Amino acid sequence: MKILVIGSTGRTGKHVLAQAIKRGHEITAFARRPELLTERTGLAGVHQGDAHDLETVCKAVHGQDAVIAAVGGSRIASNLIAAMRETGVRRVVMTSSRSVPATRPRIAVTLAWLFFREAYVDLARAEGMLQVSGLDWSIARATMLNDKQPAGRVHIDFEANATGGAMQLSRADYAMALLDTVEDPTLIGKALGISGPT
């Protein structure tokens, strides 16, 4: 599968690149600062650009089978939707946060929204845009991310509140889940809650 990874130099994006190459996908990295890509072996290409610039996104999306947005936000979602419609690319997986729809644990969710309200409102807007885009979208809502060693498994559900799993999730395991999602057509049109394993 030809996959464009937006946010490829981020702490999650780097894991997506490495794992996708190991799976045999044809991967193109999209980054504002491609010089931060310390390892390019196995990449099909590198696009320098800002995901807030529609023309640059269109050029990068052209010819891909799917897009993984390892960064979320309404401006990115807007440009992706426009670029994918223009180029005919349909499959997209976008990262988000479990805190966006969550109502419990009440204290933790309330504190998260207190500190990150602006970001969560924007993520909620981005989710809504994707959900009415007509594209083959999936939204991957993660719990609190860390840089610990991967467990090789995650807990996934489709509820507003987690039905199990741990509050902490390694970025490597999150990247694994993002790739599993983009590869699985049964997850099109679904928002996944992704937690760490217990």
Protein backbone atom coordinates (compact mmCIF):
# COMPACT_ATOMS: atom_id res chain seq x y z
CA MET A 1 0.00 0.00 0.00
CA LYS A 2 1.26 3.51 -0.85
CA ILE A 3 0.85 5.54 2.33
CA LEU A 4 1.56 9.21 2.98
CA VAL A 5 2.45 9.92 6.62
CA ILE A 6 1.76 13.48 7.74
CA GLY A 7 3.61 14.46 10.89
CA SER A 8 6.34 11.97 10.06
CA THR A 9 9.02 13.63 12.19
CA GLY A 10 6.90 13.63 15.34
CA ARG A 11 7.36 11.16 18.16
CA THR A 12 4.50 8.98 16.89
CA GLY A 13 5.12 9.62 13.20
CA LYS A 14 8.65 8.25 13.36
CA HIS A 15 7.30 4.95 14.68
CA VAL A 16 4.68 4.86 11.93
CA LEU A 17 7.38 5.27 9.28
CA ALA A 18 9.64 2.56 10.67
CA GLN A 19 6.89 0.03 11.26
CA ALA A 20 5.20 0.67 7.92
CA ILE A 21 8.45 0.05 6.04
CA LYS A 22 8.91 -3.22 7.93
CA ARG A 23 5.40 -4.24 6.86
CA GLY A 24 6.36 -3.70 3.24
CA HIS A 25 4.35 -0.57 2.53
CA GLU A 26 5.56 2.11 0.10
CA ILE A 27 5.91 5.05 2.45
CA THR A 28 6.20 8.76 1.72
CA ALA A 29 7.05 11.08 4.59
CA PHE A 30 5.51 14.56 4.79
CA ALA A 31 7.24 17.01 7.11
CA ARG A 32 7.87 20.71 7.61
CA ARG A 33 11.45 19.92 8.57
CA PRO A 34 12.55 16.80 6.69
CA GLU A 35 16.10 17.27 7.95
CA LEU A 36 14.78 15.77 11.21
CA LEU A 37 14.28 12.46 9.41
CA THR A 38 17.46 10.85 10.64
CA GLU A 39 16.66 7.52 8.98
CA ARG A 40 15.38 7.53 5.40
CA THR A 41 16.27 3.99 4.38
CA GLY A 42 13.26 2.32 2.80
CA LEU A 43 11.26 5.50 2.22
CA ALA A 44 9.69 5.89 -1.21
CA GLY A 45 9.86 9.67 -0.94
CA VAL A 46 9.95 12.75 1.25
CA HIS A 47 7.73 15.80 0.79
CA GLN A 48 8.71 19.02 2.52
CA GLY A 49 5.77 21.22 3.38
CA ASP A 50 3.24 22.50 5.85
CA ALA A 51 0.01 20.54 6.20
CA HIS A 52 -1.76 23.91 6.49
CA ASP A 53 -0.86 24.62 2.84
CA LEU A 54 -3.41 23.04 0.50
CA GLU A 55 -1.28 23.07 -2.66
CA THR A 56 1.58 21.27 -0.92
CA VAL A 57 -0.79 18.70 0.58
CA CYS A 58 -2.38 18.03 -2.84
CA LYS A 59 1.03 17.33 -4.38
CA ALA A 60 1.93 14.94 -1.58
CA VAL A 61 -1.41 13.10 -1.58
CA HIS A 62 -1.44 12.56 -5.35
CA GLY A 63 -0.81 8.91 -6.24
CA GLN A 64 -1.17 7.55 -2.70
CA ASP A 65 -3.50 4.76 -1.61
CA ALA A 66 -3.98 6.13 1.90
CA VAL A 67 -2.96 8.86 4.32
CA ILE A 68 -2.10 8.56 8.00
CA ALA A 69 -2.24 11.90 9.79
CA ALA A 70 -0.05 11.41 12.84
CA VAL A 71 -1.04 14.95 13.84
CA GLY A 72 -4.62 16.14 14.13
CA GLY A 73 -6.43 19.44 13.86
CA SER A 74 -9.19 21.11 11.88
CA ARG A 75 -6.92 23.00 9.45
CA ILE A 76 -5.07 19.80 8.62
CA ALA A 77 -8.35 17.91 8.26
CA SER A 78 -9.77 20.60 5.99
CA ASN A 79 -6.77 20.51 3.66
CA LEU A 80 -6.63 16.73 3.66
CA ILE A 81 -10.30 16.42 2.76
CA ALA A 82 -9.94 18.93 -0.08
CA ALA A 83 -6.73 17.34 -1.37
CA MET A 84 -8.10 13.81 -1.21
CA ARG A 85 -11.28 14.79 -3.02
CA GLU A 86 -9.23 16.50 -5.72
CA THR A 87 -6.83 13.58 -6.19
CA GLY A 88 -9.31 10.75 -5.72
CA VAL A 89 -7.51 9.24 -2.71
CA ARG A 90 -10.10 7.95 -0.24
CA ARG A 91 -8.51 6.18 2.75
CA VAL A 92 -7.44 8.33 5.70
CA VAL A 93 -6.65 7.62 9.34
CA MET A 94 -6.36 10.61 11.67
CA THR A 95 -5.10 10.72 15.24
CA SER A 96 -7.19 12.18 18.04
CA SER A 97 -7.63 11.89 21.79
CA ARG A 98 -9.83 9.69 23.95
CA SER A 99 -10.55 12.79 26.00
CA VAL A 100 -12.53 14.34 23.13
CA PRO A 101 -15.68 12.20 23.66
CA ALA A 102 -14.97 10.91 27.18
CA THR A 103 -17.08 11.68 30.24
CA ARG A 104 -15.22 9.54 32.78
CA PRO A 105 -13.27 9.22 34.89
CA ARG A 106 -14.91 12.56 35.60
CA ILE A 107 -12.10 14.25 37.49
CA ALA A 108 -9.41 13.25 34.98
CA VAL A 109 -11.54 14.28 31.99
CA THR A 110 -12.48 17.59 33.62
CA LEU A 111 -8.84 18.40 34.33
CA ALA A 112 -7.78 17.41 30.82
CA TRP A 113 -10.40 19.69 29.29
CA LEU A 114 -9.43 22.48 31.67
CA PHE A 115 -5.82 22.45 30.46
CA PHE A 116 -6.29 21.42 26.82
CA ARG A 117 -9.74 22.79 25.99
CA GLU A 118 -8.67 24.67 22.87
CA ALA A 119 -6.85 21.65 21.44
CA TYR A 120 -9.73 19.27 22.22
CA VAL A 121 -12.33 21.61 20.71
CA ASP A 122 -10.23 21.74 17.55
CA LEU A 123 -9.84 17.94 17.48
CA ALA A 124 -13.60 17.54 17.90
CA ARG A 125 -14.09 19.91 14.97
CA ALA A 126 -11.61 17.91 12.88
CA GLU A 127 -13.37 14.66 13.75
CA GLY A 128 -16.71 16.11 12.68
CA MET A 129 -15.27 17.30 9.38
CA LEU A 130 -13.92 13.86 8.58
CA GLN A 131 -17.14 12.14 9.58
CA VAL A 132 -19.15 14.10 6.99
CA SER A 133 -16.41 14.18 4.33
CA GLY A 134 -17.57 11.17 2.36
CA LEU A 135 -14.02 9.74 2.53
CA ASP A 136 -13.06 6.30 3.85
CA TRP A 137 -12.06 7.69 7.23
CA SER A 138 -11.07 6.22 10.56
CA ILE A 139 -10.32 8.21 13.72
CA ALA A 140 -7.83 6.78 16.22
CA ARG A 141 -8.37 8.26 19.69
CA ALA A 142 -5.41 7.56 21.96
CA THR A 143 -5.05 7.67 25.71
CA MET A 144 -2.01 9.34 27.32
CA LEU A 145 1.05 8.64 25.17
CA ASN A 146 4.55 7.87 26.42
CA ASP A 147 7.90 6.78 24.97
CA LYS A 148 8.19 3.48 26.83
CA GLN A 149 8.99 0.19 25.16
CA PRO A 150 6.11 -1.27 23.14
CA ALA A 151 4.01 -4.10 24.49
CA GLY A 152 3.02 -5.25 21.00
CA ARG A 153 -0.68 -5.04 21.78
CA VAL A 154 -3.36 -2.48 22.64
CA HIS A 155 -6.92 -2.36 23.92
CA ILE A 156 -9.43 -1.11 21.34
CA ASP A 157 -13.10 -0.27 21.76
CA PHE A 158 -15.61 1.94 20.02
CA GLU A 159 -17.16 3.65 23.03
CA ALA A 160 -16.90 7.22 24.31
CA ASN A 161 -15.38 5.90 27.54
CA ALA A 162 -12.75 3.18 27.70
CA THR A 163 -14.10 -0.30 28.35
CA GLY A 164 -10.71 -1.53 29.54
CA GLY A 165 -7.00 -1.13 28.97
CA ALA A 166 -4.50 1.20 30.60
CA MET A 167 -4.45 5.00 30.63
CA GLN A 168 -0.86 4.96 29.37
CA LEU A 169 -0.07 3.94 25.77
CA SER A 170 3.36 3.76 24.16
CA ARG A 171 3.79 5.68 20.93
CA ALA A 172 5.18 2.58 19.26
CA ASP A 173 2.03 0.64 20.12
CA TYR A 174 -0.11 3.56 18.94
CA ALA A 175 1.76 3.54 15.62
CA MET A 176 1.09 -0.18 15.35
CA ALA A 177 -2.62 0.46 15.88
CA LEU A 178 -2.65 3.24 13.28
CA LEU A 179 -1.17 0.88 10.70
CA ASP A 180 -3.52 -1.94 11.66
CA THR A 181 -6.38 0.51 11.19
CA VAL A 182 -5.34 1.77 7.75
CA GLU A 183 -4.95 -1.83 6.59
CA ASP A 184 -8.39 -2.94 7.85
CA PRO A 185 -11.34 -1.97 5.62
CA THR A 186 -13.82 -3.05 8.31
CA LEU A 187 -12.70 -0.02 10.35
CA ILE A 188 -13.75 2.50 7.71
CA GLY A 189 -16.23 4.98 9.15
CA LYS A 190 -15.33 4.16 12.74
CA ALA A 191 -13.75 6.06 15.63
CA LEU A 192 -11.54 3.76 17.68
CA GLY A 193 -10.61 4.28 21.31
CA ILE A 194 -7.06 3.01 21.76
CA SER A 195 -5.72 2.32 25.24
CA GLY A 196 -2.62 0.61 26.53
CA PRO A 197 -2.75 -3.11 27.34
CA THR A 198 -3.32 -4.34 30.88
